[in-house]
PDB file of N, CA and C in Angstrom:
ATOM      1  N   UNK A   1     -21.211 -43.351  -8.163  1.00  0.00           N
ATOM      2  CA  UNK A   1     -20.463 -42.755  -7.072  1.00  0.00           C
ATOM      3  C   UNK A   1     -20.776 -43.505  -5.785  1.00  0.00           C
ATOM      4  N   UNK A   2     -19.762 -43.625  -5.037  1.00  0.00           N
ATOM      5  CA  UNK A   2     -19.969 -44.296  -3.766  1.00  0.00           C
ATOM      6  C   UNK A   2     -20.219 -43.254  -2.681  1.00  0.00           C
ATOM      7  N   UNK A   3     -20.719 -43.730  -1.560  1.00  0.00           N
ATOM      8  CA  UNK A   3     -21.020 -42.830  -0.445  1.00  0.00           C
ATOM      9  C   UNK A   3     -19.764 -42.154   0.089  1.00  0.00           C
ATOM     10  N   UNK A   4     -18.658 -42.806  -0.026  1.00  0.00           N
ATOM     11  CA  UNK A   4     -17.411 -42.228   0.479  1.00  0.00           C
ATOM     12  C   UNK A   4     -16.998 -41.009  -0.340  1.00  0.00           C
ATOM     13  N   UNK A   5     -17.192 -41.092  -1.643  1.00  0.00           N
ATOM     14  CA  UNK A   5     -16.853 -39.962  -2.513  1.00  0.00           C
ATOM     15  C   UNK A   5     -17.801 -38.786  -2.231  1.00  0.00           C
ATOM     16  N   UNK A   6     -19.086 -39.090  -2.084  1.00  0.00           N
ATOM     17  CA  UNK A   6     -20.072 -38.053  -1.784  1.00  0.00           C
ATOM     18  C   UNK A   6     -19.742 -37.392  -0.453  1.00  0.00           C
ATOM     19  N   UNK A   7     -19.440 -38.173   0.554  1.00  0.00           N
ATOM     20  CA  UNK A   7     -19.087 -37.617   1.855  1.00  0.00           C
ATOM     21  C   UNK A   7     -17.806 -36.791   1.766  1.00  0.00           C
ATOM     22  N   UNK A   8     -16.847 -37.240   0.966  1.00  0.00           N
ATOM     23  CA  UNK A   8     -15.603 -36.485   0.767  1.00  0.00           C
ATOM     24  C   UNK A   8     -15.867 -35.146   0.108  1.00  0.00           C
ATOM     25  N   UNK A   9     -16.737 -35.134  -0.913  1.00  0.00           N
ATOM     26  CA  UNK A   9     -17.086 -33.878  -1.592  1.00  0.00           C
ATOM     27  C   UNK A   9     -17.827 -32.929  -0.644  1.00  0.00           C
ATOM     28  N   UNK A  10     -18.745 -33.484   0.137  1.00  0.00           N
ATOM     29  CA  UNK A  10     -19.477 -32.656   1.105  1.00  0.00           C
ATOM     30  C   UNK A  10     -18.512 -32.069   2.120  1.00  0.00           C
ATOM     31  N   UNK A  11     -17.552 -32.852   2.560  1.00  0.00           N
ATOM     32  CA  UNK A  11     -16.570 -32.364   3.527  1.00  0.00           C
ATOM     33  C   UNK A  11     -15.715 -31.260   2.908  1.00  0.00           C
ATOM     34  N   UNK A  12     -15.307 -31.428   1.653  1.00  0.00           N
ATOM     35  CA  UNK A  12     -14.502 -30.409   0.971  1.00  0.00           C
ATOM     36  C   UNK A  12     -15.289 -29.110   0.780  1.00  0.00           C
ATOM     37  N   UNK A  13     -16.538 -29.236   0.379  1.00  0.00           N
ATOM     38  CA  UNK A  13     -17.382 -28.046   0.204  1.00  0.00           C
ATOM     39  C   UNK A  13     -17.585 -27.350   1.545  1.00  0.00           C
ATOM     40  N   UNK A  14     -17.848 -28.101   2.580  1.00  0.00           N
ATOM     41  CA  UNK A  14     -18.012 -27.518   3.915  1.00  0.00           C
ATOM     42  C   UNK A  14     -16.750 -26.826   4.375  1.00  0.00           C
ATOM     43  N   UNK A  15     -15.604 -27.443   4.123  1.00  0.00           N
ATOM     44  CA  UNK A  15     -14.326 -26.830   4.485  1.00  0.00           C
ATOM     45  C   UNK A  15     -14.108 -25.533   3.697  1.00  0.00           C
ATOM     46  N   UNK A  16     -14.434 -25.564   2.408  1.00  0.00           N
ATOM     47  CA  UNK A  16     -14.279 -24.365   1.570  1.00  0.00           C
ATOM     48  C   UNK A  16     -15.154 -23.219   2.063  1.00  0.00           C
ATOM     49  N   UNK A  17     -16.387 -23.542   2.418  1.00  0.00           N
ATOM     50  CA  UNK A  17     -17.296 -22.514   2.934  1.00  0.00           C
ATOM     51  C   UNK A  17     -16.813 -21.989   4.277  1.00  0.00           C
ATOM     52  N   UNK A  18     -16.355 -22.882   5.137  1.00  0.00           N
ATOM     53  CA  UNK A  18     -15.914 -22.450   6.464  1.00  0.00           C
ATOM     54  C   UNK A  18     -14.651 -21.598   6.389  1.00  0.00           C
ATOM     55  N   UNK A  19     -13.834 -21.779   5.368  1.00  0.00           N
ATOM     56  CA  UNK A  19     -12.627 -20.964   5.207  1.00  0.00           C
ATOM     57  C   UNK A  19     -12.948 -19.649   4.489  1.00  0.00           C
ATOM     58  N   UNK A  20     -13.793 -19.701   3.484  1.00  0.00           N
ATOM     59  CA  UNK A  20     -14.060 -18.503   2.675  1.00  0.00           C
ATOM     60  C   UNK A  20     -14.950 -17.489   3.397  1.00  0.00           C
ATOM     61  N   UNK A  21     -15.836 -17.914   4.261  1.00  0.00           N
ATOM     62  CA  UNK A  21     -16.733 -16.987   4.958  1.00  0.00           C
ATOM     63  C   UNK A  21     -15.981 -15.974   5.811  1.00  0.00           C
ATOM     64  N   UNK A  22     -15.040 -16.380   6.668  1.00  0.00           N
ATOM     65  CA  UNK A  22     -14.293 -15.369   7.430  1.00  0.00           C
ATOM     66  C   UNK A  22     -13.445 -14.464   6.533  1.00  0.00           C
ATOM     67  N   UNK A  23     -12.924 -15.010   5.441  1.00  0.00           N
ATOM     68  CA  UNK A  23     -12.117 -14.190   4.529  1.00  0.00           C
ATOM     69  C   UNK A  23     -12.976 -13.114   3.891  1.00  0.00           C
ATOM     70  N   UNK A  24     -14.175 -13.451   3.495  1.00  0.00           N
ATOM     71  CA  UNK A  24     -15.083 -12.471   2.892  1.00  0.00           C
ATOM     72  C   UNK A  24     -15.464 -11.404   3.916  1.00  0.00           C
ATOM     73  N   UNK A  25     -15.756 -11.817   5.148  1.00  0.00           N
ATOM     74  CA  UNK A  25     -16.086 -10.846   6.201  1.00  0.00           C
ATOM     75  C   UNK A  25     -14.905  -9.931   6.489  1.00  0.00           C
ATOM     76  N   UNK A  26     -13.708 -10.498   6.515  1.00  0.00           N
ATOM     77  CA  UNK A  26     -12.503  -9.701   6.753  1.00  0.00           C
ATOM     78  C   UNK A  26     -12.295  -8.700   5.626  1.00  0.00           C
ATOM     79  N   UNK A  27     -12.498  -9.123   4.405  1.00  0.00           N
ATOM     80  CA  UNK A  27     -12.352  -8.239   3.260  1.00  0.00           C
ATOM     81  C   UNK A  27     -13.344  -7.080   3.338  1.00  0.00           C
ATOM     82  N   UNK A  28     -14.571  -7.374   3.732  1.00  0.00           N
ATOM     83  CA  UNK A  28     -15.591  -6.335   3.882  1.00  0.00           C
ATOM     84  C   UNK A  28     -15.198  -5.346   4.974  1.00  0.00           C
ATOM     85  N   UNK A  29     -14.691  -5.859   6.079  1.00  0.00           N
ATOM     86  CA  UNK A  29     -14.271  -4.989   7.181  1.00  0.00           C
ATOM     87  C   UNK A  29     -13.111  -4.100   6.769  1.00  0.00           C
ATOM     88  N   UNK A  30     -12.166  -4.645   6.040  1.00  0.00           N
ATOM     89  CA  UNK A  30     -11.021  -3.857   5.572  1.00  0.00           C
ATOM     90  C   UNK A  30     -11.479  -2.764   4.624  1.00  0.00           C
ATOM     91  N   UNK A  31     -12.420  -3.065   3.761  1.00  0.00           N
ATOM     92  CA  UNK A  31     -12.948  -2.066   2.832  1.00  0.00           C
ATOM     93  C   UNK A  31     -13.625  -0.928   3.595  1.00  0.00           C
ATOM     94  N   UNK A  32     -14.424  -1.261   4.603  1.00  0.00           N
ATOM     95  CA  UNK A  32     -15.084  -0.233   5.408  1.00  0.00           C
ATOM     96  C   UNK A  32     -14.067   0.621   6.146  1.00  0.00           C
ATOM     97  N   UNK A  33     -13.034  -0.015   6.682  1.00  0.00           N
ATOM     98  CA  UNK A  33     -11.989   0.741   7.378  1.00  0.00           C
ATOM     99  C   UNK A  33     -11.262   1.696   6.438  1.00  0.00           C
ATOM    100  N   UNK A  34     -10.996   1.239   5.222  1.00  0.00           N
ATOM    101  CA  UNK A  34     -10.343   2.117   4.243  1.00  0.00           C
ATOM    102  C   UNK A  34     -11.207   3.327   3.926  1.00  0.00           C
ATOM    103  N   UNK A  35     -12.501   3.114   3.782  1.00  0.00           N
ATOM    104  CA  UNK A  35     -13.418   4.231   3.519  1.00  0.00           C
ATOM    105  C   UNK A  35     -13.440   5.195   4.699  1.00  0.00           C
ATOM    106  N   UNK A  36     -13.440   4.659   5.899  1.00  0.00           N
ATOM    107  CA  UNK A  36     -13.443   5.504   7.095  1.00  0.00           C
ATOM    108  C   UNK A  36     -12.156   6.312   7.196  1.00  0.00           C
ATOM    109  N   UNK A  37     -11.042   5.695   6.902  1.00  0.00           N
ATOM    110  CA  UNK A  37      -9.757   6.397   6.958  1.00  0.00           C
ATOM    111  C   UNK A  37      -9.706   7.491   5.905  1.00  0.00           C
ATOM    112  N   UNK A  38     -10.222   7.233   4.718  1.00  0.00           N
ATOM    113  CA  UNK A  38     -10.264   8.259   3.673  1.00  0.00           C
ATOM    114  C   UNK A  38     -11.105   9.454   4.116  1.00  0.00           C
ATOM    115  N   UNK A  39     -12.249   9.178   4.734  1.00  0.00           N
ATOM    116  CA  UNK A  39     -13.112  10.262   5.212  1.00  0.00           C
ATOM    117  C   UNK A  39     -12.415  11.049   6.321  1.00  0.00           C
ATOM    118  N   UNK A  40     -11.733  10.361   7.216  1.00  0.00           N
ATOM    119  CA  UNK A  40     -10.999  11.052   8.282  1.00  0.00           C
ATOM    120  C   UNK A  40      -9.881  11.917   7.715  1.00  0.00           C
ATOM    121  N   UNK A  41      -9.194  11.441   6.692  1.00  0.00           N
ATOM    122  CA  UNK A  41      -8.134  12.227   6.069  1.00  0.00           C
ATOM    123  C   UNK A  41      -8.689  13.500   5.433  1.00  0.00           C
ATOM    124  N   UNK A  42      -9.850  13.397   4.796  1.00  0.00           N
ATOM    125  CA  UNK A  42     -10.467  14.585   4.197  1.00  0.00           C
ATOM    126  C   UNK A  42     -10.868  15.578   5.279  1.00  0.00           C
ATOM    127  N   UNK A  43     -11.451  15.088   6.370  1.00  0.00           N
ATOM    128  CA  UNK A  43     -11.823  15.968   7.480  1.00  0.00           C
ATOM    129  C   UNK A  43     -10.599  16.621   8.097  1.00  0.00           C
ATOM    130  N   UNK A  44      -9.511  15.872   8.181  1.00  0.00           N
ATOM    131  CA  UNK A  44      -8.276  16.405   8.756  1.00  0.00           C
ATOM    132  C   UNK A  44      -7.717  17.521   7.878  1.00  0.00           C
ATOM    133  N   UNK A  45      -7.809  17.364   6.558  1.00  0.00           N
ATOM    134  CA  UNK A  45      -7.340  18.408   5.652  1.00  0.00           C
ATOM    135  C   UNK A  45      -8.135  19.695   5.851  1.00  0.00           C
ATOM    136  N   UNK A  46      -9.449  19.558   5.970  1.00  0.00           N
ATOM    137  CA  UNK A  46     -10.298  20.730   6.177  1.00  0.00           C
ATOM    138  C   UNK A  46      -9.954  21.400   7.507  1.00  0.00           C
ATOM    139  N   UNK A  47      -9.786  20.594   8.549  1.00  0.00           N
ATOM    140  CA  UNK A  47      -9.457  21.143   9.865  1.00  0.00           C
ATOM    141  C   UNK A  47      -8.101  21.839   9.843  1.00  0.00           C
ATOM    142  N   UNK A  48      -7.146  21.255   9.154  1.00  0.00           N
ATOM    143  CA  UNK A  48      -5.818  21.855   9.068  1.00  0.00           C
ATOM    144  C   UNK A  48      -5.873  23.196   8.355  1.00  0.00           C
ATOM    145  N   UNK A  49      -6.639  23.271   7.282  1.00  0.00           N
ATOM    146  CA  UNK A  49      -6.775  24.535   6.555  1.00  0.00           C
ATOM    147  C   UNK A  49      -7.414  25.600   7.449  1.00  0.00           C
ATOM    148  N   UNK A  50      -8.439  25.208   8.197  1.00  0.00           N
ATOM    149  CA  UNK A  50      -9.096  26.168   9.091  1.00  0.00           C
ATOM    150  C   UNK A  50      -8.153  26.628  10.190  1.00  0.00           C
ATOM    151  N   UNK A  51      -7.392  25.686  10.760  1.00  0.00           N
ATOM    152  CA  UNK A  51      -6.446  26.047  11.811  1.00  0.00           C
ATOM    153  C   UNK A  51      -5.361  26.978  11.276  1.00  0.00           C
ATOM    154  N   UNK A  52      -4.888  26.720  10.067  1.00  0.00           N
ATOM    155  CA  UNK A  52      -3.876  27.594   9.473  1.00  0.00           C
ATOM    156  C   UNK A  52      -4.431  29.000   9.264  1.00  0.00           C
ATOM    157  N   UNK A  53      -5.683  29.083   8.787  1.00  0.00           N
ATOM    158  CA  UNK A  53      -6.305  30.399   8.583  1.00  0.00           C
ATOM    159  C   UNK A  53      -6.466  31.125   9.913  1.00  0.00           C
ATOM    160  N   UNK A  54      -6.892  30.416  10.951  1.00  0.00           N
ATOM    161  CA  UNK A  54      -7.039  31.047  12.260  1.00  0.00           C
ATOM    162  C   UNK A  54      -5.687  31.462  12.824  1.00  0.00           C
ATOM    163  N   UNK A  55      -4.666  30.666  12.576  1.00  0.00           N
ATOM    164  CA  UNK A  55      -3.326  31.024  13.023  1.00  0.00           C
ATOM    165  C   UNK A  55      -2.845  32.308  12.380  1.00  0.00           C
ATOM    166  N   UNK A  56      -3.132  32.472  11.090  1.00  0.00           N
ATOM    167  CA  UNK A  56      -2.759  33.711  10.397  1.00  0.00           C
ATOM    168  C   UNK A  56      -3.519  34.904  10.978  1.00  0.00           C
ATOM    169  N   UNK A  57      -4.798  34.715  11.282  1.00  0.00           N
ATOM    170  CA  UNK A  57      -5.570  35.799  11.879  1.00  0.00           C
ATOM    171  C   UNK A  57      -5.016  36.171  13.254  1.00  0.00           C
ATOM    172  N   UNK A  58      -4.633  35.190  14.029  1.00  0.00           N
ATOM    173  CA  UNK A  58      -4.077  35.460  15.353  1.00  0.00           C
ATOM    174  C   UNK A  58      -2.749  36.208  15.223  1.00  0.00           C
ATOM    175  N   UNK A  59      -1.923  35.783  14.272  1.00  0.00           N
ATOM    176  CA  UNK A  59      -0.650  36.475  14.058  1.00  0.00           C
ATOM    177  C   UNK A  59      -0.885  37.924  13.659  1.00  0.00           C
ATOM    178  N   UNK A  60      -1.877  38.161  12.794  1.00  0.00           N
ATOM    179  CA  UNK A  60      -2.195  39.519  12.371  1.00  0.00           C
ATOM    180  C   UNK A  60      -2.680  40.352  13.557  1.00  0.00           C
ATOM    181  N   UNK A  61      -3.553  39.785  14.370  1.00  0.00           N
ATOM    182  CA  UNK A  61      -4.049  40.507  15.546  1.00  0.00           C
ATOM    183  C   UNK A  61      -2.926  40.784  16.539  1.00  0.00           C
ATOM    184  N   UNK A  62      -2.035  39.838  16.692  1.00  0.00           N
ATOM    185  CA  UNK A  62      -0.901  40.026  17.592  1.00  0.00           C
ATOM    186  C   UNK A  62      -0.044  41.201  17.128  1.00  0.00           C
ATOM    187  N   UNK A  63       0.181  41.259  15.826  1.00  0.00           N
ATOM    188  CA  UNK A  63       0.960  42.368  15.260  1.00  0.00           C
ATOM    189  C   UNK A  63       0.247  43.695  15.476  1.00  0.00           C
ATOM    190  N   UNK A  64      -1.058  43.715  15.240  1.00  0.00           N
ATOM    191  CA  UNK A  64      -1.816  44.953  15.413  1.00  0.00           C
ATOM    192  C   UNK A  64      -1.786  45.423  16.865  1.00  0.00           C
ATOM    193  N   UNK A  65      -1.928  44.486  17.811  1.00  0.00           N
ATOM    194  CA  UNK A  65      -1.895  44.841  19.229  1.00  0.00           C
ATOM    195  C   UNK A  65      -0.515  45.389  19.596  1.00  0.00           C
ATOM    196  N   UNK A  66       0.527  44.772  19.071  1.00  0.00           N
ATOM    197  CA  UNK A  66       1.887  45.242  19.342  1.00  0.00           C
ATOM    198  C   UNK A  66       2.077  46.666  18.829  1.00  0.00           C
ATOM    199  N   UNK A  67       1.574  46.930  17.640  1.00  0.00           N
ATOM    200  CA  UNK A  67       1.688  48.280  17.080  1.00  0.00           C
ATOM    201  C   UNK A  67       0.901  49.270  17.934  1.00  0.00           C
ATOM    202  N   UNK A  68      -0.313  48.907  18.323  1.00  0.00           N
ATOM    203  CA  UNK A  68      -1.124  49.814  19.141  1.00  0.00           C
ATOM    204  C   UNK A  68      -0.502  50.046  20.516  1.00  0.00           C
ATOM    205  N   UNK A  69       0.061  49.022  21.104  1.00  0.00           N
ATOM    206  CA  UNK A  69       0.720  49.201  22.395  1.00  0.00           C
ATOM    207  C   UNK A  69       1.931  50.110  22.261  1.00  0.00           C
ATOM    208  N   UNK A  70       2.654  49.963  21.171  1.00  0.00           N
ATOM    209  CA  UNK A  70       3.795  50.840  20.926  1.00  0.00           C
ATOM    210  C   UNK A  70       3.345  52.279  20.754  1.00  0.00           C
ATOM    211  N   UNK A  71       2.241  52.489  20.037  1.00  0.00           N
ATOM    212  CA  UNK A  71       1.696  53.834  19.843  1.00  0.00           C
ATOM    213  C   UNK A  71       1.258  54.402  21.187  1.00  0.00           C
ATOM    214  N   UNK A  72       0.621  53.585  22.008  1.00  0.00           N
ATOM    215  CA  UNK A  72       0.154  54.003  23.324  1.00  0.00           C
ATOM    216  C   UNK A  72       1.341  54.391  24.208  1.00  0.00           C
ATOM    217  N   UNK A  73       2.406  53.601  24.174  1.00  0.00           N
ATOM    218  CA  UNK A  73       3.596  53.894  24.966  1.00  0.00           C
ATOM    219  C   UNK A  73       4.259  55.190  24.506  1.00  0.00           C
ATOM    220  N   UNK A  74       4.276  55.439  23.187  1.00  0.00           N
ATOM    221  CA  UNK A  74       4.878  56.687  22.670  1.00  0.00           C
ATOM    222  C   UNK A  74       4.084  57.894  23.157  1.00  0.00           C
ATOM    223  N   UNK A  75       2.772  57.806  23.135  1.00  0.00           N
ATOM    224  CA  UNK A  75       1.927  58.914  23.582  1.00  0.00           C
ATOM    225  C   UNK A  75       2.120  59.165  25.077  1.00  0.00           C
ATOM    226  N   UNK A  76       2.258  58.082  25.836  1.00  0.00           N
ATOM    227  CA  UNK A  76       2.461  58.218  27.281  1.00  0.00           C
ATOM    228  C   UNK A  76       3.788  58.925  27.543  1.00  0.00           C
ATOM    229  N   UNK A  77       4.820  58.587  26.782  1.00  0.00           N
ATOM    230  CA  UNK A  77       6.124  59.204  26.982  1.00  0.00           C
ATOM    231  C   UNK A  77       6.096  60.683  26.591  1.00  0.00           C
ATOM    232  N   UNK A  78       5.262  61.055  25.639  1.00  0.00           N
ATOM    233  CA  UNK A  78       5.160  62.446  25.221  1.00  0.00           C
ATOM    234  C   UNK A  78       4.319  63.239  26.209  1.00  0.00           C
ATOM    235  N   UNK A  79       3.635  62.575  27.097  1.00  0.00           N
ATOM    236  CA  UNK A  79       2.813  63.248  28.092  1.00  0.00           C
ATOM    237  C   UNK A  79       1.394  63.509  27.652  1.00  0.00           C
ATOM    238  N   UNK A  80       0.968  62.920  26.564  1.00  0.00           N
ATOM    239  CA  UNK A  80      -0.399  63.116  26.081  1.00  0.00           C
ATOM    240  C   UNK A  80      -1.409  62.272  26.822  1.00  0.00           C
ATOM    241  N   UNK A  81      -0.998  61.214  27.453  1.00  0.00           N
ATOM    242  CA  UNK A  81      -1.936  60.334  28.156  1.00  0.00           C
ATOM    243  C   UNK A  81      -1.738  60.337  29.621  1.00  0.00           C
TER     244      UNK A  81
END
């Protein structure tokens, strides 16, 4: 082998390493981002379920208050209060 071939191979290997290193880092970053997004989606599902449950409780309380206010108004009209 001549020195020119050796230098050419070294240059090709160096080029391959310089190109593959950022690609590997990018792939790792994308994988981490996907994991983070999956975790956020799971947290969002839990939060949505809790918000829906609280919304139902608020609706129930609103209905109960409306009924009690109506009862209070009826008693006032009858002269009991």
